[in-house]
PDB file of N, CA and C in Angstrom:
ATOM      1  N   MET A   1       6.147  -7.289  14.302  1.00  0.00           N
ATOM      2  CA  MET A   1       4.814  -7.570  13.824  1.00  0.00           C
ATOM      3  C   MET A   1       3.852  -6.597  14.496  1.00  0.00           C
ATOM      4  N   ALA A   2       3.013  -5.998  13.742  1.00  0.00           N
ATOM      5  CA  ALA A   2       2.049  -5.044  14.271  1.00  0.00           C
ATOM      6  C   ALA A   2       0.831  -5.780  14.807  1.00  0.00           C
ATOM      7  N   VAL A   3       0.358  -5.325  15.972  1.00  0.00           N
ATOM      8  CA  VAL A   3      -0.843  -5.911  16.529  1.00  0.00           C
ATOM      9  C   VAL A   3      -2.015  -5.496  15.644  1.00  0.00           C
ATOM     10  N   GLY A   4      -2.802  -6.456  15.241  1.00  0.00           N
ATOM     11  CA  GLY A   4      -3.943  -6.178  14.383  1.00  0.00           C
ATOM     12  C   GLY A   4      -3.651  -6.314  12.903  1.00  0.00           C
ATOM     13  N   ALA A   5      -2.416  -6.586  12.544  1.00  0.00           N
ATOM     14  CA  ALA A   5      -2.088  -6.758  11.130  1.00  0.00           C
ATOM     15  C   ALA A   5      -2.597  -8.110  10.644  1.00  0.00           C
ATOM     16  N   ARG A   6      -3.097  -8.126   9.447  1.00  0.00           N
ATOM     17  CA  ARG A   6      -3.560  -9.377   8.850  1.00  0.00           C
ATOM     18  C   ARG A   6      -2.350 -10.179   8.370  1.00  0.00           C
ATOM     19  N   PRO A   7      -2.462 -11.498   8.361  1.00  0.00           N
ATOM     20  CA  PRO A   7      -1.352 -12.324   7.875  1.00  0.00           C
ATOM     21  C   PRO A   7      -0.926 -11.968   6.445  1.00  0.00           C
ATOM     22  N   SER A   8      -1.881 -11.588   5.610  1.00  0.00           N
ATOM     23  CA  SER A   8      -1.521 -11.230   4.231  1.00  0.00           C
ATOM     24  C   SER A   8      -0.696  -9.939   4.194  1.00  0.00           C
ATOM     25  N   ASP A   9      -0.982  -9.012   5.119  1.00  0.00           N
ATOM     26  CA  ASP A   9      -0.187  -7.781   5.196  1.00  0.00           C
ATOM     27  C   ASP A   9       1.253  -8.090   5.588  1.00  0.00           C
ATOM     28  N   ILE A  10       1.409  -8.970   6.552  1.00  0.00           N
ATOM     29  CA  ILE A  10       2.749  -9.330   7.031  1.00  0.00           C
ATOM     30  C   ILE A  10       3.515 -10.076   5.943  1.00  0.00           C
ATOM     31  N   GLY A  11       2.842 -11.035   5.293  1.00  0.00           N
ATOM     32  CA  GLY A  11       3.488 -11.760   4.197  1.00  0.00           C
ATOM     33  C   GLY A  11       3.870 -10.846   3.057  1.00  0.00           C
ATOM     34  N   GLY A  12       2.999  -9.893   2.739  1.00  0.00           N
ATOM     35  CA  GLY A  12       3.303  -8.937   1.676  1.00  0.00           C
ATOM     36  C   GLY A  12       4.478  -8.049   2.021  1.00  0.00           C
ATOM     37  N   MET A  13       4.548  -7.621   3.286  1.00  0.00           N
ATOM     38  CA  MET A  13       5.650  -6.766   3.714  1.00  0.00           C
ATOM     39  C   MET A  13       6.990  -7.507   3.607  1.00  0.00           C
ATOM     40  N   ILE A  14       7.017  -8.730   4.093  1.00  0.00           N
ATOM     41  CA  ILE A  14       8.258  -9.509   4.029  1.00  0.00           C
ATOM     42  C   ILE A  14       8.608  -9.814   2.577  1.00  0.00           C
ATOM     43  N   GLY A  15       7.616 -10.148   1.776  1.00  0.00           N
ATOM     44  CA  GLY A  15       7.858 -10.421   0.359  1.00  0.00           C
ATOM     45  C   GLY A  15       8.402  -9.207  -0.381  1.00  0.00           C
ATOM     46  N   ARG A  16       7.831  -8.022  -0.112  1.00  0.00           N
ATOM     47  CA  ARG A  16       8.320  -6.796  -0.763  1.00  0.00           C
ATOM     48  C   ARG A  16       9.747  -6.481  -0.345  1.00  0.00           C
ATOM     49  N   GLN A  17      10.045  -6.627   0.945  1.00  0.00           N
ATOM     50  CA  GLN A  17      11.395  -6.337   1.414  1.00  0.00           C
ATOM     51  C   GLN A  17      12.417  -7.274   0.790  1.00  0.00           C
ATOM     52  N   SER A  18      12.091  -8.552   0.719  1.00  0.00           N
ATOM     53  CA  SER A  18      13.040  -9.485   0.117  1.00  0.00           C
ATOM     54  C   SER A  18      13.160  -9.259  -1.385  1.00  0.00           C
ATOM     55  N   LEU A  19      12.051  -8.902  -2.045  1.00  0.00           N
ATOM     56  CA  LEU A  19      12.106  -8.612  -3.472  1.00  0.00           C
ATOM     57  C   LEU A  19      12.997  -7.404  -3.754  1.00  0.00           C
ATOM     58  N   MET A  20      12.934  -6.401  -2.892  1.00  0.00           N
ATOM     59  CA  MET A  20      13.783  -5.228  -3.084  1.00  0.00           C
ATOM     60  C   MET A  20      15.261  -5.589  -2.922  1.00  0.00           C
ATOM     61  N   LEU A  21      15.587  -6.433  -1.955  1.00  0.00           N
ATOM     62  CA  LEU A  21      16.974  -6.877  -1.781  1.00  0.00           C
ATOM     63  C   LEU A  21      17.447  -7.704  -2.976  1.00  0.00           C
ATOM     64  N   VAL A  22      16.584  -8.593  -3.444  1.00  0.00           N
ATOM     65  CA  VAL A  22      16.946  -9.419  -4.603  1.00  0.00           C
ATOM     66  C   VAL A  22      17.119  -8.557  -5.842  1.00  0.00           C
ATOM     67  N   ALA A  23      16.236  -7.582  -6.039  1.00  0.00           N
ATOM     68  CA  ALA A  23      16.349  -6.693  -7.203  1.00  0.00           C
ATOM     69  C   ALA A  23      17.648  -5.901  -7.150  1.00  0.00           C
ATOM     70  N   ALA A  24      18.006  -5.409  -5.976  1.00  0.00           N
ATOM     71  CA  ALA A  24      19.272  -4.675  -5.841  1.00  0.00           C
ATOM     72  C   ALA A  24      20.455  -5.582  -6.150  1.00  0.00           C
ATOM     73  N   GLY A  25      20.399  -6.815  -5.675  1.00  0.00           N
ATOM     74  CA  GLY A  25      21.483  -7.757  -5.944  1.00  0.00           C
ATOM     75  C   GLY A  25      21.585  -8.138  -7.407  1.00  0.00           C
ATOM     76  N   VAL A  26      20.447  -8.350  -8.047  1.00  0.00           N
ATOM     77  CA  VAL A  26      20.446  -8.705  -9.473  1.00  0.00           C
ATOM     78  C   VAL A  26      20.977  -7.545 -10.305  1.00  0.00           C
ATOM     79  N   ILE A  27      20.547  -6.331  -9.990  1.00  0.00           N
ATOM     80  CA  ILE A  27      21.027  -5.164 -10.730  1.00  0.00           C
ATOM     81  C   ILE A  27      22.534  -4.990 -10.531  1.00  0.00           C
ATOM     82  N   ALA A  28      22.997  -5.131  -9.292  1.00  0.00           N
ATOM     83  CA  ALA A  28      24.436  -5.017  -9.032  1.00  0.00           C
ATOM     84  C   ALA A  28      25.208  -6.118  -9.757  1.00  0.00           C
ATOM     85  N   GLY A  29      24.665  -7.327  -9.766  1.00  0.00           N
ATOM     86  CA  GLY A  29      25.323  -8.430 -10.454  1.00  0.00           C
ATOM     87  C   GLY A  29      25.381  -8.237 -11.958  1.00  0.00           C
ATOM     88  N   LEU A  30      24.291  -7.744 -12.536  1.00  0.00           N
ATOM     89  CA  LEU A  30      24.290  -7.499 -13.978  1.00  0.00           C
ATOM     90  C   LEU A  30      25.260  -6.384 -14.350  1.00  0.00           C
ATOM     91  N   LEU A  31      25.312  -5.343 -13.530  1.00  0.00           N
ATOM     92  CA  LEU A  31      26.274  -4.262 -13.790  1.00  0.00           C
ATOM     93  C   LEU A  31      27.716  -4.759 -13.659  1.00  0.00           C
ATOM     94  N   ALA A  32      27.966  -5.586 -12.647  1.00  0.00           N
ATOM     95  CA  ALA A  32      29.310  -6.138 -12.471  1.00  0.00           C
ATOM     96  C   ALA A  32      29.672  -7.056 -13.634  1.00  0.00           C
ATOM     97  N   ALA A  33      28.717  -7.871 -14.081  1.00  0.00           N
ATOM     98  CA  ALA A  33      28.980  -8.763 -15.212  1.00  0.00           C
ATOM     99  C   ALA A  33      29.273  -7.969 -16.473  1.00  0.00           C
ATOM    100  N   TRP A  34      28.540  -6.898 -16.664  1.00  0.00           N
ATOM    101  CA  TRP A  34      28.770  -6.052 -17.841  1.00  0.00           C
ATOM    102  C   TRP A  34      30.136  -5.389 -17.759  1.00  0.00           C
ATOM    103  N   ARG A  35      30.535  -4.970 -16.569  1.00  0.00           N
ATOM    104  CA  ARG A  35      31.817  -4.282 -16.389  1.00  0.00           C
ATOM    105  C   ARG A  35      33.010  -5.231 -16.528  1.00  0.00           C
ATOM    106  N   VAL A  36      32.848  -6.468 -16.072  1.00  0.00           N
ATOM    107  CA  VAL A  36      33.954  -7.432 -16.074  1.00  0.00           C
ATOM    108  C   VAL A  36      33.984  -8.263 -17.358  1.00  0.00           C
ATOM    109  N   ALA A  37      32.984  -8.170 -18.190  1.00  0.00           N
ATOM    110  CA  ALA A  37      32.876  -8.988 -19.395  1.00  0.00           C
ATOM    111  C   ALA A  37      34.114  -8.939 -20.286  1.00  0.00           C
ATOM    112  N   PRO A  38      34.677  -7.777 -20.539  1.00  0.00           N
ATOM    113  CA  PRO A  38      35.869  -7.786 -21.397  1.00  0.00           C
ATOM    114  C   PRO A  38      37.046  -8.557 -20.795  1.00  0.00           C
ATOM    115  N   VAL A  39      37.138  -8.582 -19.491  1.00  0.00           N
ATOM    116  CA  VAL A  39      38.239  -9.284 -18.833  1.00  0.00           C
ATOM    117  C   VAL A  39      38.089 -10.794 -18.972  1.00  0.00           C
ATOM    118  N   ILE A  40      36.870 -11.297 -18.870  1.00  0.00           N
ATOM    119  CA  ILE A  40      36.665 -12.743 -18.920  1.00  0.00           C
ATOM    120  C   ILE A  40      36.284 -13.256 -20.318  1.00  0.00           C
ATOM    121  N   ARG A  41      36.435 -12.417 -21.301  1.00  0.00           N
ATOM    122  CA  ARG A  41      36.077 -12.815 -22.668  1.00  0.00           C
ATOM    123  C   ARG A  41      36.821 -14.086 -23.096  1.00  0.00           C
ATOM    124  N   SER A  42      38.059 -14.244 -22.696  1.00  0.00           N
ATOM    125  CA  SER A  42      38.830 -15.418 -23.109  1.00  0.00           C
ATOM    126  C   SER A  42      38.361 -16.693 -22.402  1.00  0.00           C
ATOM    127  N   LEU A  43      37.648 -16.576 -21.284  1.00  0.00           N
ATOM    128  CA  LEU A  43      37.177 -17.747 -20.550  1.00  0.00           C
ATOM    129  C   LEU A  43      35.840 -18.266 -21.047  1.00  0.00           C
ATOM    130  N   LEU A  44      35.144 -17.473 -21.834  1.00  0.00           N
ATOM    131  CA  LEU A  44      33.823 -17.863 -22.318  1.00  0.00           C
ATOM    132  C   LEU A  44      33.948 -18.633 -23.621  1.00  0.00           C
ATOM    133  N   TYR A  45      33.249 -19.744 -23.715  1.00  0.00           N
ATOM    134  CA  TYR A  45      33.280 -20.557 -24.924  1.00  0.00           C
ATOM    135  C   TYR A  45      31.870 -20.663 -25.484  1.00  0.00           C
ATOM    136  N   GLY A  46      31.660 -20.169 -26.660  1.00  0.00           N
ATOM    137  CA  GLY A  46      30.375 -20.276 -27.321  1.00  0.00           C
ATOM    138  C   GLY A  46      29.361 -19.214 -26.911  1.00  0.00           C
ATOM    139  N   VAL A  47      29.772 -18.302 -26.057  1.00  0.00           N
ATOM    140  CA  VAL A  47      28.872 -17.221 -25.639  1.00  0.00           C
ATOM    141  C   VAL A  47      29.648 -15.917 -25.667  1.00  0.00           C
ATOM    142  N   THR A  48      28.958 -14.877 -26.008  1.00  0.00           N
ATOM    143  CA  THR A  48      29.587 -13.563 -25.948  1.00  0.00           C
ATOM    144  C   THR A  48      29.373 -12.993 -24.542  1.00  0.00           C
ATOM    145  N   PRO A  49      30.235 -12.101 -24.104  1.00  0.00           N
ATOM    146  CA  PRO A  49      30.091 -11.552 -22.745  1.00  0.00           C
ATOM    147  C   PRO A  49      28.765 -10.829 -22.520  1.00  0.00           C
ATOM    148  N   GLY A  50      28.199 -10.269 -23.561  1.00  0.00           N
ATOM    149  CA  GLY A  50      26.941  -9.555 -23.408  1.00  0.00           C
ATOM    150  C   GLY A  50      25.742 -10.362 -23.859  1.00  0.00           C
ATOM    151  N   ASP A  51      25.844 -11.688 -23.832  1.00  0.00           N
ATOM    152  CA  ASP A  51      24.763 -12.555 -24.278  1.00  0.00           C
ATOM    153  C   ASP A  51      23.535 -12.353 -23.391  1.00  0.00           C
ATOM    154  N   GLY A  52      22.512 -11.760 -23.969  1.00  0.00           N
ATOM    155  CA  GLY A  52      21.324 -11.409 -23.202  1.00  0.00           C
ATOM    156  C   GLY A  52      20.586 -12.603 -22.629  1.00  0.00           C
ATOM    157  N   VAL A  53      20.519 -13.688 -23.380  1.00  0.00           N
ATOM    158  CA  VAL A  53      19.792 -14.867 -22.914  1.00  0.00           C
ATOM    159  C   VAL A  53      20.455 -15.439 -21.665  1.00  0.00           C
ATOM    160  N   SER A  54      21.779 -15.509 -21.659  1.00  0.00           N
ATOM    161  CA  SER A  54      22.496 -16.033 -20.499  1.00  0.00           C
ATOM    162  C   SER A  54      22.334 -15.125 -19.287  1.00  0.00           C
ATOM    163  N   LEU A  55      22.443 -13.821 -19.502  1.00  0.00           N
ATOM    164  CA  LEU A  55      22.317 -12.889 -18.385  1.00  0.00           C
ATOM    165  C   LEU A  55      20.911 -12.889 -17.805  1.00  0.00           C
ATOM    166  N   VAL A  56      19.910 -12.882 -18.667  1.00  0.00           N
ATOM    167  CA  VAL A  56      18.528 -12.902 -18.190  1.00  0.00           C
ATOM    168  C   VAL A  56      18.215 -14.239 -17.527  1.00  0.00           C
ATOM    169  N   GLY A  57      18.722 -15.316 -18.087  1.00  0.00           N
ATOM    170  CA  GLY A  57      18.507 -16.634 -17.480  1.00  0.00           C
ATOM    171  C   GLY A  57      19.115 -16.727 -16.091  1.00  0.00           C
ATOM    172  N   ALA A  58      20.321 -16.211 -15.934  1.00  0.00           N
ATOM    173  CA  ALA A  58      20.963 -16.224 -14.615  1.00  0.00           C
ATOM    174  C   ALA A  58      20.204 -15.337 -13.630  1.00  0.00           C
ATOM    175  N   ALA A  59      19.751 -14.186 -14.081  1.00  0.00           N
ATOM    176  CA  ALA A  59      18.991 -13.285 -13.208  1.00  0.00           C
ATOM    177  C   ALA A  59      17.670 -13.928 -12.788  1.00  0.00           C
ATOM    178  N   LEU A  60      16.978 -14.571 -13.707  1.00  0.00           N
ATOM    179  CA  LEU A  60      15.724 -15.252 -13.372  1.00  0.00           C
ATOM    180  C   LEU A  60      15.954 -16.410 -12.410  1.00  0.00           C
ATOM    181  N   PHE A  61      17.047 -17.128 -12.596  1.00  0.00           N
ATOM    182  CA  PHE A  61      17.385 -18.221 -11.687  1.00  0.00           C
ATOM    183  C   PHE A  61      17.589 -17.700 -10.270  1.00  0.00           C
ATOM    184  N   VAL A  62      18.292 -16.583 -10.138  1.00  0.00           N
ATOM    185  CA  VAL A  62      18.518 -15.988  -8.820  1.00  0.00           C
ATOM    186  C   VAL A  62      17.191 -15.555  -8.200  1.00  0.00           C
ATOM    187  N   VAL A  63      16.320 -14.966  -8.976  1.00  0.00           N
ATOM    188  CA  VAL A  63      15.017 -14.522  -8.459  1.00  0.00           C
ATOM    189  C   VAL A  63      14.181 -15.714  -8.004  1.00  0.00           C
ATOM    190  N   VAL A  64      14.170 -16.800  -8.773  1.00  0.00           N
ATOM    191  CA  VAL A  64      13.392 -17.985  -8.409  1.00  0.00           C
ATOM    192  C   VAL A  64      13.939 -18.620  -7.128  1.00  0.00           C
ATOM    193  N   VAL A  65      15.248 -18.722  -7.019  1.00  0.00           N
ATOM    194  CA  VAL A  65      15.849 -19.289  -5.808  1.00  0.00           C
ATOM    195  C   VAL A  65      15.555 -18.402  -4.598  1.00  0.00           C
ATOM    196  N   ALA A  66      15.640 -17.099  -4.771  1.00  0.00           N
ATOM    197  CA  ALA A  66      15.344 -16.182  -3.665  1.00  0.00           C
ATOM    198  C   ALA A  66      13.879 -16.271  -3.252  1.00  0.00           C
ATOM    199  N   ALA A  67      12.978 -16.412  -4.211  1.00  0.00           N
ATOM    200  CA  ALA A  67      11.560 -16.554  -3.882  1.00  0.00           C
ATOM    201  C   ALA A  67      11.306 -17.847  -3.115  1.00  0.00           C
ATOM    202  N   ALA A  68      11.960 -18.908  -3.520  1.00  0.00           N
ATOM    203  CA  ALA A  68      11.815 -20.173  -2.796  1.00  0.00           C
ATOM    204  C   ALA A  68      12.397 -20.073  -1.387  1.00  0.00           C
ATOM    205  N   ALA A  69      13.511 -19.367  -1.249  1.00  0.00           N
ATOM    206  CA  ALA A  69      14.126 -19.210   0.066  1.00  0.00           C
ATOM    207  C   ALA A  69      13.311 -18.289   0.966  1.00  0.00           C
ATOM    208  N   THR A  70      12.527 -17.411   0.396  1.00  0.00           N
ATOM    209  CA  THR A  70      11.697 -16.489   1.173  1.00  0.00           C
ATOM    210  C   THR A  70      10.376 -17.127   1.576  1.00  0.00           C
ATOM    211  N   ALA A  71       9.937 -18.139   0.862  1.00  0.00           N
ATOM    212  CA  ALA A  71       8.614 -18.727   1.106  1.00  0.00           C
ATOM    213  C   ALA A  71       8.485 -19.301   2.511  1.00  0.00           C
ATOM    214  N   ILE A  72       9.503 -19.960   3.016  1.00  0.00           N
ATOM    215  CA  ILE A  72       9.420 -20.567   4.350  1.00  0.00           C
ATOM    216  C   ILE A  72       9.318 -19.498   5.443  1.00  0.00           C
ATOM    217  N   PRO A  73      10.191 -18.478   5.466  1.00  0.00           N
ATOM    218  CA  PRO A  73      10.032 -17.442   6.490  1.00  0.00           C
ATOM    219  C   PRO A  73       8.713 -16.673   6.383  1.00  0.00           C
ATOM    220  N   VAL A  74       8.225 -16.462   5.178  1.00  0.00           N
ATOM    221  CA  VAL A  74       6.937 -15.772   5.025  1.00  0.00           C
ATOM    222  C   VAL A  74       5.825 -16.628   5.619  1.00  0.00           C
ATOM    223  N   GLY A  75       5.863 -17.913   5.359  1.00  0.00           N
ATOM    224  CA  GLY A  75       4.848 -18.806   5.923  1.00  0.00           C
ATOM    225  C   GLY A  75       4.885 -18.825   7.439  1.00  0.00           C
ATOM    226  N   ARG A  76       6.072 -18.845   8.003  1.00  0.00           N
ATOM    227  CA  ARG A  76       6.195 -18.828   9.462  1.00  0.00           C
ATOM    228  C   ARG A  76       5.726 -17.506  10.042  1.00  0.00           C
ATOM    229  N   ALA A  77       6.068 -16.416   9.389  1.00  0.00           N
ATOM    230  CA  ALA A  77       5.690 -15.102   9.908  1.00  0.00           C
ATOM    231  C   ALA A  77       4.185 -14.892   9.869  1.00  0.00           C
ATOM    232  N   THR A  78       3.516 -15.470   8.895  1.00  0.00           N
ATOM    233  CA  THR A  78       2.071 -15.279   8.807  1.00  0.00           C
ATOM    234  C   THR A  78       1.318 -16.121   9.838  1.00  0.00           C
ATOM    235  N   ARG A  79       1.970 -17.127  10.411  1.00  0.00           N
ATOM    236  CA  ARG A  79       1.317 -17.970  11.406  1.00  0.00           C
ATOM    237  C   ARG A  79       1.591 -17.542  12.847  1.00  0.00           C
ATOM    238  N   VAL A  80       2.422 -16.538  13.059  1.00  0.00           N
ATOM    239  CA  VAL A  80       2.755 -16.100  14.412  1.00  0.00           C
ATOM    240  C   VAL A  80       1.592 -15.281  14.982  1.00  0.00           C
ATOM    241  N   GLU A  81       1.217 -15.610  16.207  1.00  0.00           N
ATOM    242  CA  GLU A  81       0.184 -14.843  16.903  1.00  0.00           C
ATOM    243  C   GLU A  81       0.822 -13.592  17.503  1.00  0.00           C
ATOM    244  N   PRO A  82       0.258 -12.413  17.267  1.00  0.00           N
ATOM    245  CA  PRO A  82       0.859 -11.175  17.785  1.00  0.00           C
ATOM    246  C   PRO A  82       1.018 -11.164  19.306  1.00  0.00           C
ATOM    247  N   ALA A  83       0.050 -11.732  20.019  1.00  0.00           N
ATOM    248  CA  ALA A  83       0.128 -11.724  21.486  1.00  0.00           C
ATOM    249  C   ALA A  83       1.296 -12.571  21.973  1.00  0.00           C
ATOM    250  N   SER A  84       1.522 -13.717  21.354  1.00  0.00           N
ATOM    251  CA  SER A  84       2.645 -14.557  21.777  1.00  0.00           C
ATOM    252  C   SER A  84       3.979 -13.939  21.381  1.00  0.00           C
ATOM    253  N   ALA A  85       4.010 -13.217  20.284  1.00  0.00           N
ATOM    254  CA  ALA A  85       5.244 -12.530  19.887  1.00  0.00           C
ATOM    255  C   ALA A  85       5.583 -11.426  20.879  1.00  0.00           C
ATOM    256  N   LEU A  86       4.564 -10.730  21.391  1.00  0.00           N
ATOM    257  CA  LEU A  86       4.805  -9.676  22.374  1.00  0.00           C
ATOM    258  C   LEU A  86       5.255 -10.264  23.703  1.00  0.00           C
ATOM    259  N   ARG A  87       4.737 -11.425  24.080  1.00  0.00           N
ATOM    260  CA  ARG A  87       5.150 -12.064  25.338  1.00  0.00           C
ATOM    261  C   ARG A  87       6.592 -12.518  25.292  1.00  0.00           C
ATOM    262  N   GLU A  88       7.067 -12.913  24.136  1.00  0.00           N
ATOM    263  CA  GLU A  88       8.445 -13.381  24.012  1.00  0.00           C
ATOM    264  C   GLU A  88       9.366 -12.205  24.102  1.00  0.00           C
TER     265      GLU A  88
END
C-alpha cells in the first residue's frame, strides 16, 4: 500500500488486478472449451458444443463469482491505515 494513496485508488488497483486474472482465466477456459468440444460432443444433451448462450452464461457466472469473492478483500484493503501497515 502506498503512503498517501486514497482508498479508492487502492480498491481500483486490486479490482483491476483481479479483473485481469479473471479475464485471462475466462479466455483460457473458453479456448479450452472450444478445443475440447468435439471430444465431449457425445456427453452433451440438448446443447451443441459451440452453444454461445451456454458459453457466455458460464463465463458471466465466473465473472460474477469472482467479483463477489474480490469484494471482501477490496473492502478490507481500503480500510487499512498506511501507518499501521508500515508498523506491521
